[in-house]
Amino acid sequence: GYDVVDGDKPGGGYRRINTTEAAVVRRIFTLYADGMSPRAIARLLNDEGVTGPTGGAWLDTTIRGQVARGTGILNNVNYVGVLSWGRCEFIKNPGTGKRVARINPQEKRETVEIPELRIVDDALWNRVKTRQEAVATEIGRDDQGNALNRVHRRRFLLSGVLVCGICGAGYTIMGKDRYGCAGHRNSGTCPNDRTITRQAIERRVLAGLKERLLGADVVAAFVEEMAAVQRREQAEARNRRGDQERALAGIDRKIASILKAVEDGMYSPSLKERLSTLEAERAALATEMDAVKTEAPEMLLPANLPELYRRKVAELESVLGDGDEGMAAMEMIRAMVDRVELSPCPSGAGLEAQLYGDLAAILAACAEAGPKRQQPASGETGCQLSVVAGAGFEP
């Protein structure tokens, strides 16, 4: 809605209204106030060839933004002649090290009137705000009164890694447990209208994973790695024990030296204090050594380890849904996946799935030892799961 004037000159950088863009802004406000959704408005503007704010296509998020943060076309207070800043502050999360945005209360924000930059009148602005409040109330909870936001934030096995093979947009939840192309849904710029259930794509990926991980060579590699890990842990435990025994012997020598000095008539308050400190250190170290010996006995690998491995792989789906253990297993799999591209099958209905990333490299390496076989598509004729090692990912 604005042009920046003389932004590269001293004293410049002020804005003025761009009349062509301002007309688009007023139209968006009017369409929304009259009942059209942000998604429908984005599709309409894209169909008419109206350029978006960044020079590309319009997205529904560009229009609706976030009301609380004041982002998006419909929440930009500049359009009613107000300049606002300090709406958010960023705080570093001590656990993750990432910056997290926190919305400031109204009293911590700064505002200045700029009537010369007003594009939308108060009546139209208030109509939009009224509809936003009504929509938020209407869709904020499900039939049981539960907050829908909690459902949307639920993390599934492949959330965030599914992408459209046509336009590159994310494949996101469109309804209850069903994924679809966000580019097709939100802006209408992608022709990929195929959707797939969450259960179907997870089942297809897990089927390919399980078949390859059950190969005899992979099972043998797993058993060998388990044995190697155990050997390393036992070696580290022996080294720690040796360090502790040497430290204990050193303390005993120091205590013996002090006792000899006392016997030779060199007693002093400082020697007594030093002796008390050493005896406390010795007692703490002895307790620590006893605890390690009690809590970390040497473990023998079970004779049926290969069978246990096969059973765990076969029960992968049930493990993924089992509380904290399931979340840990899910994170391990997700960390190995770069992306899963979903593209319409050229031979008919359904979607082809192609997996990229570290997991794919592992599966491909496992598959080299056996016959080349295409994975079934969980009932979708002509489609399969294929795997590709993504750039920068190593087995």
Protein backbone atom coordinates (compact mmCIF):
# COMPACT_ATOMS: atom_id res chain seq x y z
CA GLY A 1 0.00 0.00 0.00
CA TYR A 2 2.98 2.34 0.22
CA ASP A 3 6.10 3.45 -1.61
CA VAL A 4 9.36 4.29 0.20
CA VAL A 5 10.64 7.65 -1.01
CA ASP A 6 14.38 8.50 -1.14
CA GLY A 7 15.25 5.65 1.19
CA ASP A 8 18.96 5.90 0.29
CA LYS A 9 19.29 9.65 0.97
CA PRO A 10 19.95 11.48 4.27
CA GLY A 11 16.65 12.46 5.82
CA GLY A 12 14.77 10.26 3.36
CA GLY A 13 13.06 6.94 3.83
CA TYR A 14 9.53 8.26 4.41
CA ARG A 15 6.46 6.58 2.92
CA ARG A 16 3.66 7.72 0.72
CA ILE A 17 0.48 5.98 -0.41
CA ASN A 18 0.64 3.94 -3.61
CA THR A 19 -2.85 4.52 -5.02
CA THR A 20 -2.94 1.31 -7.08
CA GLU A 21 -1.89 -0.88 -4.17
CA ALA A 22 -4.13 1.06 -1.76
CA ALA A 23 -7.12 0.13 -3.92
CA VAL A 24 -6.17 -3.55 -3.57
CA VAL A 25 -5.89 -3.14 0.21
CA ARG A 26 -9.36 -1.56 0.46
CA ARG A 27 -10.76 -4.31 -1.76
CA ILE A 28 -9.31 -7.01 0.49
CA PHE A 29 -10.83 -5.37 3.56
CA THR A 30 -14.21 -5.06 1.86
CA LEU A 31 -14.25 -8.65 0.56
CA TYR A 32 -13.37 -10.02 3.99
CA ALA A 33 -15.88 -7.81 5.80
CA ASP A 34 -18.55 -9.01 3.33
CA GLY A 35 -17.86 -12.65 4.21
CA MET A 36 -15.14 -13.92 1.87
CA SER A 37 -12.40 -16.01 3.49
CA PRO A 38 -8.68 -15.08 3.23
CA ARG A 39 -8.08 -18.23 1.19
CA ALA A 40 -10.81 -17.31 -1.30
CA ILE A 41 -9.50 -13.75 -1.54
CA ALA A 42 -5.96 -15.03 -2.25
CA ARG A 43 -7.25 -17.33 -4.99
CA LEU A 44 -9.27 -14.49 -6.53
CA LEU A 45 -6.30 -12.11 -6.62
CA ASN A 46 -4.02 -14.80 -8.08
CA ASP A 47 -6.60 -15.66 -10.76
CA GLU A 48 -6.78 -11.97 -11.71
CA GLY A 49 -2.99 -11.69 -11.91
CA VAL A 50 -2.69 -9.16 -9.06
CA THR A 51 0.89 -9.18 -7.78
CA GLY A 52 1.41 -10.00 -4.11
CA PRO A 53 3.34 -7.81 -1.63
CA THR A 54 6.65 -9.57 -2.29
CA GLY A 55 6.16 -9.71 -6.05
CA GLY A 56 4.88 -13.32 -6.05
CA ALA A 57 1.56 -15.04 -5.49
CA TRP A 58 -0.90 -14.21 -2.73
CA LEU A 59 -1.23 -16.59 0.22
CA ASP A 60 -4.08 -16.70 2.71
CA THR A 61 -1.58 -16.13 5.52
CA THR A 62 -0.45 -12.89 3.86
CA ILE A 63 -3.99 -11.62 4.22
CA ARG A 64 -5.08 -12.98 7.61
CA GLY A 65 -1.72 -12.91 9.45
CA GLN A 66 -1.90 -13.08 13.25
CA VAL A 67 -4.29 -10.75 15.01
CA ALA A 68 -2.39 -10.69 18.31
CA ARG A 69 0.90 -9.78 16.63
CA GLY A 70 -0.63 -7.30 14.20
CA THR A 71 0.73 -9.09 11.13
CA GLY A 72 -1.01 -9.60 7.80
CA ILE A 73 -2.95 -7.20 5.59
CA LEU A 74 -6.09 -7.29 7.75
CA ASN A 75 -4.18 -6.37 10.94
CA ASN A 76 -1.86 -3.63 9.68
CA VAL A 77 -2.70 -0.53 11.73
CA ASN A 78 -0.82 1.64 9.23
CA TYR A 79 -3.94 1.42 7.07
CA VAL A 80 -5.92 3.40 9.68
CA GLY A 81 -3.18 6.01 10.10
CA VAL A 82 -1.34 4.56 13.10
CA LEU A 83 2.33 3.64 13.38
CA SER A 84 2.95 1.00 16.07
CA TRP A 85 6.10 -0.69 17.32
CA GLY A 86 7.16 -2.77 20.30
CA ARG A 87 4.37 -5.26 19.71
CA CYS A 88 6.73 -8.18 20.31
CA GLU A 89 10.01 -8.81 22.06
CA PHE A 90 12.32 -11.74 21.50
CA ILE A 91 13.59 -13.80 24.42
CA LYS A 92 16.21 -16.54 24.15
CA ASN A 93 14.95 -19.91 25.31
CA PRO A 94 17.66 -21.21 27.69
CA GLY A 95 16.76 -24.81 26.87
CA THR A 96 16.94 -24.67 23.07
CA GLY A 97 19.00 -21.52 22.51
CA LYS A 98 16.41 -20.26 20.03
CA ARG A 99 14.80 -16.82 20.07
CA VAL A 100 11.12 -16.94 20.99
CA ALA A 101 8.69 -14.09 20.28
CA ARG A 102 6.62 -12.80 23.19
CA ILE A 103 3.66 -10.48 22.55
CA ASN A 104 3.84 -7.32 24.67
CA PRO A 105 0.77 -5.92 26.44
CA GLN A 106 -0.70 -2.69 25.10
CA GLU A 107 0.96 -0.55 27.78
CA LYS A 108 4.43 -1.59 26.56
CA ARG A 109 3.76 -0.68 22.92
CA GLU A 110 4.42 2.67 21.27
CA THR A 111 2.00 4.28 18.80
CA VAL A 112 2.05 7.48 16.75
CA GLU A 113 -0.76 8.94 14.65
CA ILE A 114 0.07 9.20 10.91
CA PRO A 115 -3.21 10.38 9.35
CA GLU A 116 -1.54 11.14 6.00
CA LEU A 117 -0.97 7.40 5.51
CA ARG A 118 -4.57 6.28 6.20
CA ILE A 119 -5.97 3.95 3.51
CA VAL A 120 -8.96 2.32 5.28
CA ASP A 121 -11.68 4.26 7.12
CA ASP A 122 -12.74 3.39 10.66
CA ALA A 123 -16.08 1.92 9.62
CA LEU A 124 -14.48 -0.67 7.31
CA TRP A 125 -11.70 -1.42 9.81
CA ASN A 126 -14.25 -2.05 12.57
CA ARG A 127 -16.30 -4.34 10.31
CA VAL A 128 -13.20 -6.46 9.71
CA LYS A 129 -12.35 -6.59 13.43
CA THR A 130 -15.92 -7.62 14.27
CA ARG A 131 -15.81 -10.49 11.77
CA GLN A 132 -12.39 -11.62 13.00
CA GLU A 133 -13.74 -11.89 16.54
CA ALA A 134 -16.78 -13.82 15.35
CA VAL A 135 -14.69 -16.24 13.29
CA ALA A 136 -12.24 -16.79 16.16
CA THR A 137 -15.12 -17.67 18.47
CA GLU A 138 -16.75 -19.96 15.91
CA ILE A 139 -13.70 -22.08 14.99
CA GLY A 140 -11.79 -21.86 18.24
CA ARG A 141 -13.21 -25.12 19.65
CA ASP A 142 -14.42 -28.45 18.38
CA ASP A 143 -17.77 -30.18 19.02
CA GLN A 144 -16.63 -31.25 22.47
CA GLY A 145 -15.51 -27.74 23.38
CA ASN A 146 -11.81 -28.55 23.14
CA ALA A 147 -9.45 -25.91 21.78
CA LEU A 148 -8.66 -26.75 18.17
CA ASN A 149 -5.26 -25.15 18.52
CA ARG A 150 -4.19 -28.11 20.63
CA VAL A 151 -5.14 -30.48 17.82
CA HIS A 152 -3.29 -28.42 15.22
CA ARG A 153 -0.12 -28.44 17.31
CA ARG A 154 -0.11 -32.19 17.73
CA ARG A 155 3.02 -33.64 16.21
CA PHE A 156 2.73 -36.61 13.88
CA LEU A 157 5.50 -38.82 12.53
CA LEU A 158 5.86 -36.97 9.19
CA SER A 159 4.66 -33.50 10.19
CA GLY A 160 6.82 -30.80 8.63
CA VAL A 161 8.66 -33.08 6.19
CA LEU A 162 5.93 -33.73 3.60
CA VAL A 163 6.23 -31.47 0.54
CA CYS A 164 4.52 -31.22 -2.82
CA GLY A 165 6.61 -32.63 -5.66
CA ILE A 166 5.02 -30.14 -8.09
CA CYS A 167 5.37 -26.74 -6.39
CA GLY A 168 7.53 -27.47 -3.33
CA ALA A 169 4.93 -26.21 -0.85
CA GLY A 170 4.30 -28.16 2.32
CA TYR A 171 1.77 -30.96 2.50
CA THR A 172 -0.27 -29.94 5.53
CA ILE A 173 -3.29 -31.23 7.41
CA MET A 174 -6.42 -30.19 5.47
CA GLY A 175 -9.00 -31.96 7.60
CA LYS A 176 -9.09 -34.75 10.11
CA ASP A 177 -5.89 -36.76 9.51
CA ARG A 178 -5.68 -35.84 5.80
CA TYR A 179 -2.75 -34.13 4.08
CA GLY A 180 -2.96 -31.90 1.01
CA CYS A 181 -0.79 -29.41 -0.89
CA ALA A 182 -0.83 -26.00 0.84
CA GLY A 183 0.03 -24.28 -2.45
CA HIS A 184 -3.12 -25.67 -4.07
CA ARG A 185 -5.33 -24.99 -1.10
CA ASN A 186 -4.10 -21.60 0.08
CA SER A 187 -3.35 -19.80 -3.18
CA GLY A 188 -4.58 -22.03 -6.01
CA THR A 189 -1.21 -21.72 -7.79
CA CYS A 190 -0.48 -25.48 -7.78
CA PRO A 191 -2.47 -28.03 -9.83
CA ASN A 192 -1.78 -30.84 -7.35
CA ASP A 193 -5.19 -31.50 -5.80
CA ARG A 194 -4.38 -35.03 -4.53
CA THR A 195 -4.73 -35.68 -0.82
CA ILE A 196 -3.67 -38.61 1.33
CA THR A 197 -4.52 -39.72 4.83
CA ARG A 198 -1.91 -39.44 7.55
CA GLN A 199 -2.23 -43.15 8.29
CA ALA A 200 -1.68 -44.14 4.64
CA ILE A 201 1.55 -42.17 4.13
CA GLU A 202 2.94 -43.17 7.53
CA ARG A 203 2.10 -46.81 6.80
CA ARG A 204 3.83 -46.61 3.41
CA VAL A 205 7.01 -45.08 4.83
CA LEU A 206 7.12 -47.47 7.77
CA ALA A 207 6.50 -50.48 5.49
CA GLY A 208 9.53 -49.58 3.39
CA LEU A 209 11.58 -48.98 6.52
CA LYS A 210 10.64 -52.26 8.16
CA GLU A 211 11.20 -54.42 5.08
CA ARG A 212 14.72 -53.11 4.61
CA LEU A 213 15.62 -53.18 8.29
CA LEU A 214 14.62 -56.84 8.58
CA GLY A 215 17.30 -57.97 6.14
CA ALA A 216 19.76 -60.52 7.59
CA ASP A 217 22.75 -58.25 6.97
CA VAL A 218 21.08 -55.35 8.78
CA VAL A 219 20.17 -57.53 11.75
CA ALA A 220 23.79 -58.72 11.96
CA ALA A 221 25.00 -55.11 11.78
CA PHE A 222 22.63 -54.17 14.61
CA VAL A 223 23.87 -57.00 16.85
CA GLU A 224 27.50 -56.08 16.16
CA GLU A 225 26.84 -52.41 16.91
CA MET A 226 25.11 -53.33 20.18
CA ALA A 227 28.15 -55.41 21.16
CA ALA A 228 30.50 -52.57 20.16
CA VAL A 229 28.52 -50.07 22.22
CA GLN A 230 28.63 -52.39 25.20
CA ARG A 231 32.38 -52.84 24.84
CA ARG A 232 32.87 -49.06 24.69
CA GLU A 233 30.69 -48.48 27.75
CA GLN A 234 32.49 -51.20 29.74
CA ALA A 235 35.87 -49.77 28.74
CA GLU A 236 34.76 -46.29 29.80
CA ALA A 237 33.48 -47.69 33.10
CA ARG A 238 36.84 -49.40 33.74
CA ASN A 239 38.68 -46.17 32.92
CA ARG A 240 36.46 -44.18 35.29
CA ARG A 241 37.04 -46.80 37.99
CA GLY A 242 40.80 -46.58 37.45
CA ASP A 243 40.72 -42.78 37.69
CA GLN A 244 38.73 -42.99 40.91
CA GLU A 245 41.09 -45.56 42.44
CA ARG A 246 44.12 -43.40 41.57
CA ALA A 247 42.42 -40.34 43.07
CA LEU A 248 41.63 -42.31 46.22
CA ALA A 249 45.22 -43.49 46.51
CA GLY A 250 46.42 -39.90 46.14
CA ILE A 251 44.14 -38.73 48.96
CA ASP A 252 45.36 -41.59 51.17
CA ARG A 253 48.99 -40.53 50.57
CA LYS A 254 48.20 -36.94 51.52
CA ILE A 255 46.40 -38.06 54.69
CA ALA A 256 49.33 -40.30 55.59
CA SER A 257 51.77 -37.38 55.12
CA ILE A 258 49.73 -35.14 57.43
CA LEU A 259 49.51 -37.85 60.10
CA LYS A 260 53.29 -38.36 59.93
CA ALA A 261 53.84 -34.60 60.28
CA VAL A 262 51.61 -34.55 63.37
CA GLU A 263 53.53 -37.47 64.86
CA ASP A 264 56.76 -35.55 64.25
CA GLY A 265 55.44 -32.63 66.29
CA MET A 266 54.36 -30.34 63.41
CA TYR A 267 50.73 -30.02 64.52
CA SER A 268 48.89 -26.80 63.65
CA PRO A 269 45.25 -25.69 63.19
CA SER A 270 45.78 -25.45 59.40
CA LEU A 271 46.97 -29.08 59.26
CA LYS A 272 43.89 -30.15 61.22
CA GLU A 273 41.62 -28.27 58.81
CA ARG A 274 43.41 -29.77 55.80
CA LEU A 275 43.07 -33.27 57.27
CA SER A 276 39.33 -32.80 57.80
CA THR A 277 38.96 -31.64 54.18
CA LEU A 278 40.84 -34.65 52.80
CA GLU A 279 38.86 -37.10 54.93
CA ALA A 280 35.61 -35.57 53.62
CA GLU A 281 36.86 -35.86 50.03
CA ARG A 282 37.83 -39.48 50.63
CA ALA A 283 34.44 -40.37 52.09
CA ALA A 284 32.61 -38.73 49.16
CA LEU A 285 34.82 -40.50 46.60
CA ALA A 286 34.37 -43.88 48.31
CA THR A 287 30.59 -43.41 48.30
CA GLU A 288 30.66 -42.50 44.61
CA MET A 289 32.71 -45.59 43.77
CA ASP A 290 30.33 -47.86 45.68
CA ALA A 291 27.34 -46.32 43.91
CA VAL A 292 28.87 -46.83 40.46
CA LYS A 293 29.74 -50.42 41.27
CA THR A 294 26.19 -51.08 42.48
CA GLU A 295 24.29 -49.25 39.72
CA ALA A 296 26.35 -50.23 36.68
CA PRO A 297 26.98 -53.99 36.63
CA GLU A 298 28.32 -55.52 33.46
CA MET A 299 25.47 -56.56 31.18
CA LEU A 300 25.52 -59.61 28.96
CA LEU A 301 23.78 -59.33 25.58
CA PRO A 302 20.80 -61.70 25.40
CA ALA A 303 21.25 -64.73 23.18
CA ASN A 304 18.00 -63.95 21.35
CA LEU A 305 19.01 -60.35 20.51
CA PRO A 306 18.35 -60.81 16.76
CA GLU A 307 14.83 -61.99 17.51
CA LEU A 308 14.25 -59.08 19.91
CA TYR A 309 15.42 -56.68 17.19
CA ARG A 310 13.06 -58.20 14.61
CA ARG A 311 10.17 -58.02 17.04
CA LYS A 312 10.82 -54.35 17.82
CA VAL A 313 10.98 -53.49 14.12
CA ALA A 314 7.81 -55.45 13.44
CA GLU A 315 6.07 -53.56 16.28
CA LEU A 316 7.35 -50.17 15.16
CA GLU A 317 3.88 -48.65 14.74
CA SER A 318 2.81 -49.62 18.25
CA VAL A 319 6.06 -48.30 19.73
CA LEU A 320 5.55 -44.95 17.98
CA GLY A 321 2.25 -44.50 19.73
CA ASP A 322 3.41 -45.46 23.20
CA GLY A 323 3.94 -42.42 25.44
CA ASP A 324 7.43 -41.07 26.05
CA GLU A 325 9.09 -44.05 24.36
CA GLY A 326 6.96 -43.42 21.28
CA MET A 327 7.88 -39.73 21.20
CA ALA A 328 11.56 -40.63 21.45
CA ALA A 329 11.27 -43.15 18.60
CA MET A 330 9.34 -40.61 16.52
CA GLU A 331 12.01 -37.95 17.03
CA MET A 332 14.76 -40.39 16.03
CA ILE A 333 13.00 -41.18 12.74
CA ARG A 334 12.08 -37.56 12.04
CA ALA A 335 15.67 -36.45 12.63
CA MET A 336 16.82 -38.74 9.82
CA VAL A 337 14.29 -37.50 7.26
CA ASP A 338 14.99 -34.46 5.11
CA ARG A 339 11.72 -34.48 3.19
CA VAL A 340 9.11 -36.74 1.60
CA GLU A 341 7.93 -35.50 -1.81
CA LEU A 342 4.38 -36.37 -2.83
CA SER A 343 3.47 -36.17 -6.54
CA PRO A 344 0.39 -37.28 -8.50
CA CYS A 345 0.85 -40.72 -10.05
CA PRO A 346 1.22 -40.33 -13.83
CA SER A 347 -0.55 -43.65 -14.36
CA GLY A 348 -3.71 -42.92 -12.40
CA ALA A 349 -5.12 -41.85 -9.05
CA GLY A 350 -3.06 -41.64 -5.90
CA LEU A 351 0.30 -40.21 -4.97
CA GLU A 352 3.90 -41.28 -5.41
CA ALA A 353 6.10 -40.79 -2.37
CA GLN A 354 9.84 -40.18 -2.63
CA LEU A 355 11.85 -39.94 0.57
CA TYR A 356 15.06 -37.89 0.84
CA GLY A 357 17.53 -37.73 3.70
CA ASP A 358 19.73 -39.71 6.04
CA LEU A 359 17.06 -42.37 6.53
CA ALA A 360 16.87 -42.78 2.76
CA ALA A 361 20.62 -43.33 2.56
CA ILE A 362 20.37 -46.06 5.19
CA LEU A 363 17.48 -47.74 3.40
CA ALA A 364 19.23 -47.52 0.04
CA ALA A 365 22.40 -49.03 1.48
CA CYS A 366 20.37 -51.86 3.01
CA ALA A 367 18.54 -52.48 -0.25
CA GLU A 368 21.80 -52.89 -2.20
CA ALA A 369 22.44 -56.21 -0.50
CA GLY A 370 19.14 -57.70 -1.67
CA PRO A 371 17.00 -57.78 -4.81
CA LYS A 372 15.65 -54.48 -6.11
CA ARG A 373 11.96 -54.28 -5.35
CA GLN A 374 9.45 -51.49 -5.53
CA GLN A 375 7.40 -50.91 -2.43
CA PRO A 376 3.63 -51.38 -2.55
CA ALA A 377 1.51 -48.27 -2.20
CA SER A 378 -0.77 -49.48 0.55
CA GLY A 379 -3.59 -50.19 -1.85
CA GLU A 380 -2.96 -47.32 -4.30
CA THR A 381 -2.46 -48.86 -7.72
CA GLY A 382 0.54 -47.69 -9.69
CA CYS A 383 2.20 -45.85 -6.82
CA GLN A 384 5.12 -46.78 -4.61
CA LEU A 385 7.60 -45.44 -2.08
CA SER A 386 11.07 -44.80 -3.42
CA VAL A 387 14.07 -43.52 -1.49
CA VAL A 388 16.79 -41.06 -2.49
CA ALA A 389 19.81 -40.02 -0.43
CA GLY A 390 19.51 -36.26 -0.09
CA ALA A 391 22.43 -33.91 -0.73
CA GLY A 392 24.60 -33.47 2.34
CA PHE A 393 23.27 -36.57 4.09
CA GLU A 394 25.59 -39.47 4.76
CA PRO A 395 24.67 -43.06 5.70
